[in-house]
Amino acid sequence: MTLADWARQHGVAYKTAHKWFPKGLLPVSAQQLPSGTIPVEETRPQAEKHVALYARGSRGDQKADLDRQLGRLSTFAAAQQWHVVTTAKETGSGLNGKRPQLLRLLKNPAIAAIVVEHRGQLARLGSESSEAALQATGREVIVVDATERKDDLVQDVVAVLTRLCARLYGRRAAKNRAEKAISVALEKT
């Protein structure tokens, strides 16, 4: 199969797969022909473990980092001889539970494991609940880099406080606007 077909089948952008090829980051063997075509030889491991790769960034300007995350996860999965069923990448807060790509992976019973680079990419708070639910169905979350970075903890606390303050002040502002609208309406009658 060609590199473009392989990329489409694994949910990776062709440009990303083409960048991985010269760097040796492709999780499969490939060689470039004199014509420029890159055929990919995908071999199936003996004991297939169907996994999904999940990359998340909290800001929209981190989209380039998502491709790098998927590259590192692909390399790790290939070294373990796992069959990558699908990949997912999205931007959004780790505090927000409304992440459609992650929910799609969690709902898919064909996926034996979800591979993430850091635990915080699955969820900032309460990732243990997702892991326990997956384990109850014979599935698992695999964290490639289990070491917790210290600066992430500070960022998590700031993110939680920011969200709580926004909710508090947002509600108060909405209440004040509603009271003002009611008083103006009563004055006109």
Protein backbone atom coordinates (compact mmCIF):
# COMPACT_ATOMS: atom_id res chain seq x y z
CA MET A 1 0.00 0.00 0.00
CA THR A 2 1.15 3.56 -0.59
CA LEU A 3 2.05 5.99 2.15
CA ALA A 4 -1.07 8.04 1.39
CA ASP A 5 -3.31 4.96 1.78
CA TRP A 6 -1.56 3.98 5.02
CA ALA A 7 -1.96 7.51 6.42
CA ARG A 8 -5.66 7.62 5.52
CA GLN A 9 -6.25 4.19 7.06
CA HIS A 10 -4.58 5.17 10.34
CA GLY A 11 -6.10 8.64 10.64
CA VAL A 12 -2.82 10.47 10.11
CA ALA A 13 -2.50 13.43 7.74
CA TYR A 14 -0.49 12.55 4.63
CA LYS A 15 1.81 15.54 5.17
CA THR A 16 2.57 14.30 8.68
CA ALA A 17 3.32 10.76 7.49
CA HIS A 18 5.50 12.20 4.70
CA LYS A 19 7.45 14.21 7.31
CA TRP A 20 7.84 11.11 9.51
CA PHE A 21 9.32 9.04 6.66
CA PRO A 22 12.77 10.71 6.32
CA LYS A 23 13.06 11.03 10.09
CA GLY A 24 12.44 7.31 10.58
CA LEU A 25 9.34 7.92 12.71
CA LEU A 26 6.96 5.75 10.66
CA PRO A 27 5.87 2.76 12.74
CA VAL A 28 6.03 0.53 9.63
CA SER A 29 8.74 -0.28 7.11
CA ALA A 30 8.79 1.86 3.97
CA GLN A 31 11.18 2.64 1.12
CA GLN A 32 11.01 5.33 -1.50
CA LEU A 33 11.04 4.14 -5.13
CA PRO A 34 12.94 6.05 -7.85
CA SER A 35 9.56 7.33 -9.06
CA GLY A 36 9.05 9.02 -5.67
CA THR A 37 6.28 6.69 -4.52
CA ILE A 38 6.64 5.42 -0.97
CA PRO A 39 5.21 1.91 -0.60
CA VAL A 40 4.51 0.84 2.97
CA GLU A 41 4.82 -2.75 4.17
CA GLU A 42 2.54 -3.15 7.14
CA THR A 43 3.10 -6.41 8.96
CA ARG A 44 0.64 -7.64 11.55
CA PRO A 45 2.09 -8.67 14.91
CA GLN A 46 1.52 -12.22 16.09
CA ALA A 47 -0.55 -11.30 19.14
CA GLU A 48 -2.48 -8.25 18.02
CA LYS A 49 -3.43 -5.77 20.65
CA HIS A 50 -5.87 -3.26 19.17
CA VAL A 51 -5.05 0.17 20.52
CA ALA A 52 -6.08 3.75 19.87
CA LEU A 53 -3.70 6.68 20.07
CA TYR A 54 -5.04 9.88 21.67
CA ALA A 55 -3.37 13.30 21.59
CA ARG A 56 -4.83 16.44 23.14
CA GLY A 57 -3.73 20.03 23.36
CA SER A 58 -5.48 22.68 25.40
CA ARG A 59 -5.05 25.57 22.95
CA GLY A 60 -5.66 25.92 19.24
CA ASP A 61 -2.08 27.05 18.61
CA GLN A 62 -0.82 23.61 19.74
CA LYS A 63 -2.08 21.79 16.63
CA ALA A 64 1.47 21.16 15.38
CA ASP A 65 2.29 19.55 18.71
CA LEU A 66 -0.60 17.11 18.28
CA ASP A 67 1.06 15.61 15.20
CA ARG A 68 4.33 15.25 17.10
CA GLN A 69 2.48 13.57 19.98
CA LEU A 70 0.88 11.10 17.56
CA GLY A 71 4.30 10.42 16.03
CA ARG A 72 5.79 9.55 19.41
CA LEU A 73 2.77 7.39 20.28
CA SER A 74 2.97 5.59 16.91
CA THR A 75 6.63 4.82 17.49
CA PHE A 76 5.88 3.48 20.96
CA ALA A 77 2.99 1.31 19.69
CA ALA A 78 5.13 -0.07 16.86
CA ALA A 79 7.90 -0.97 19.31
CA GLN A 80 5.35 -2.89 21.38
CA GLN A 81 3.98 -4.55 18.19
CA TRP A 82 0.46 -3.28 18.79
CA HIS A 83 -2.08 -2.82 16.03
CA VAL A 84 -3.20 0.81 15.92
CA VAL A 85 -6.90 0.74 15.09
CA THR A 86 -7.44 4.48 15.11
CA THR A 87 -5.90 7.75 16.16
CA ALA A 88 -7.61 10.80 17.60
CA LYS A 89 -6.43 14.31 18.24
CA GLU A 90 -8.30 17.29 19.54
CA THR A 91 -7.87 20.61 21.22
CA GLY A 92 -9.81 21.44 24.33
CA SER A 93 -9.53 21.80 28.03
CA GLY A 94 -8.64 18.74 30.06
CA LEU A 95 -11.29 19.89 32.51
CA ASN A 96 -14.03 19.73 29.89
CA GLY A 97 -15.73 16.36 29.63
CA LYS A 98 -17.26 17.21 26.25
CA ARG A 99 -14.47 16.00 24.00
CA PRO A 100 -16.05 14.05 21.12
CA GLN A 101 -12.88 12.28 19.97
CA LEU A 102 -12.12 10.90 23.43
CA LEU A 103 -15.75 9.89 23.97
CA ARG A 104 -15.69 8.04 20.63
CA LEU A 105 -12.65 6.05 21.78
CA LEU A 106 -14.13 5.30 25.20
CA LYS A 107 -17.35 3.99 23.63
CA ASN A 108 -15.63 1.69 21.11
CA PRO A 109 -15.43 -1.85 22.57
CA ALA A 110 -13.05 -3.01 19.81
CA ILE A 111 -10.26 -0.92 21.32
CA ALA A 112 -8.32 -2.85 23.96
CA ALA A 113 -6.31 0.17 25.12
CA ILE A 114 -6.10 3.92 24.73
CA VAL A 115 -2.50 5.11 24.56
CA VAL A 116 -1.70 8.64 25.78
CA GLU A 117 1.63 10.36 26.26
CA HIS A 118 0.83 11.89 29.67
CA ARG A 119 -2.02 11.16 32.08
CA GLY A 120 -3.15 14.80 31.88
CA GLN A 121 -4.02 14.39 28.20
CA LEU A 122 -6.77 11.96 29.10
CA ALA A 123 -8.23 14.24 31.79
CA ARG A 124 -6.76 16.85 34.08
CA LEU A 125 -8.81 15.74 37.05
CA GLY A 126 -10.42 12.35 37.65
CA SER A 127 -8.61 10.30 35.01
CA GLU A 128 -8.70 7.44 37.52
CA SER A 129 -12.48 7.14 36.99
CA SER A 130 -12.07 6.64 33.24
CA GLU A 131 -9.33 4.10 33.84
CA ALA A 132 -11.45 2.16 36.34
CA ALA A 133 -14.41 2.10 33.94
CA LEU A 134 -12.20 0.78 31.14
CA GLN A 135 -10.66 -1.86 33.42
CA ALA A 136 -14.14 -3.08 34.36
CA THR A 137 -14.67 -3.95 30.69
CA GLY A 138 -11.25 -5.57 30.26
CA ARG A 139 -9.68 -2.52 28.62
CA GLU A 140 -6.97 -0.14 29.79
CA VAL A 141 -5.29 3.23 29.50
CA ILE A 142 -1.59 3.11 28.72
CA VAL A 143 0.46 6.14 29.73
CA VAL A 144 3.75 6.33 27.85
CA ASP A 145 5.40 8.90 30.13
CA ALA A 146 4.08 8.31 33.64
CA THR A 147 6.32 10.92 35.26
CA GLU A 148 4.35 13.96 36.35
CA ARG A 149 5.83 17.29 35.45
CA LYS A 150 5.85 19.78 38.32
CA ASP A 151 4.93 22.81 36.24
CA ASP A 152 1.76 21.03 35.07
CA LEU A 153 0.49 20.91 38.66
CA VAL A 154 0.79 24.67 38.97
CA GLN A 155 -0.96 25.11 35.62
CA ASP A 156 -3.74 22.76 36.74
CA VAL A 157 -4.37 24.76 39.92
CA VAL A 158 -4.43 28.02 37.96
CA ALA A 159 -6.81 26.49 35.37
CA VAL A 160 -9.19 25.22 38.07
CA LEU A 161 -9.23 28.57 39.88
CA THR A 162 -9.74 30.43 36.61
CA ARG A 163 -12.66 28.23 35.65
CA LEU A 164 -14.29 28.55 39.06
CA CYS A 165 -13.85 32.33 39.07
CA ALA A 166 -15.26 32.62 35.55
CA ARG A 167 -18.31 30.63 36.56
CA LEU A 168 -18.81 32.65 39.75
CA TYR A 169 -18.33 36.07 38.16
CA GLY A 170 -20.17 35.05 35.02
CA ARG A 171 -23.25 34.09 37.03
CA ARG A 172 -23.09 37.26 39.09
CA ALA A 173 -22.82 39.39 35.95
CA ALA A 174 -25.78 37.55 34.40
CA LYS A 175 -27.82 38.10 37.57
CA ASN A 176 -26.93 41.83 37.60
CA ARG A 177 -27.90 42.19 33.94
CA ALA A 178 -31.20 40.42 34.57
CA GLU A 179 -32.01 42.65 37.57
CA LYS A 180 -31.14 45.78 35.56
CA ALA A 181 -33.34 44.66 32.65
CA ILE A 182 -36.25 44.03 35.03
CA SER A 183 -35.88 47.44 36.69
CA VAL A 184 -35.78 49.22 33.32
CA ALA A 185 -38.86 47.31 32.17
CA LEU A 186 -40.75 48.25 35.37
CA GLU A 187 -39.84 51.95 34.95
CA LYS A 188 -41.32 52.07 31.44
CA THR A 189 -44.68 50.64 32.56
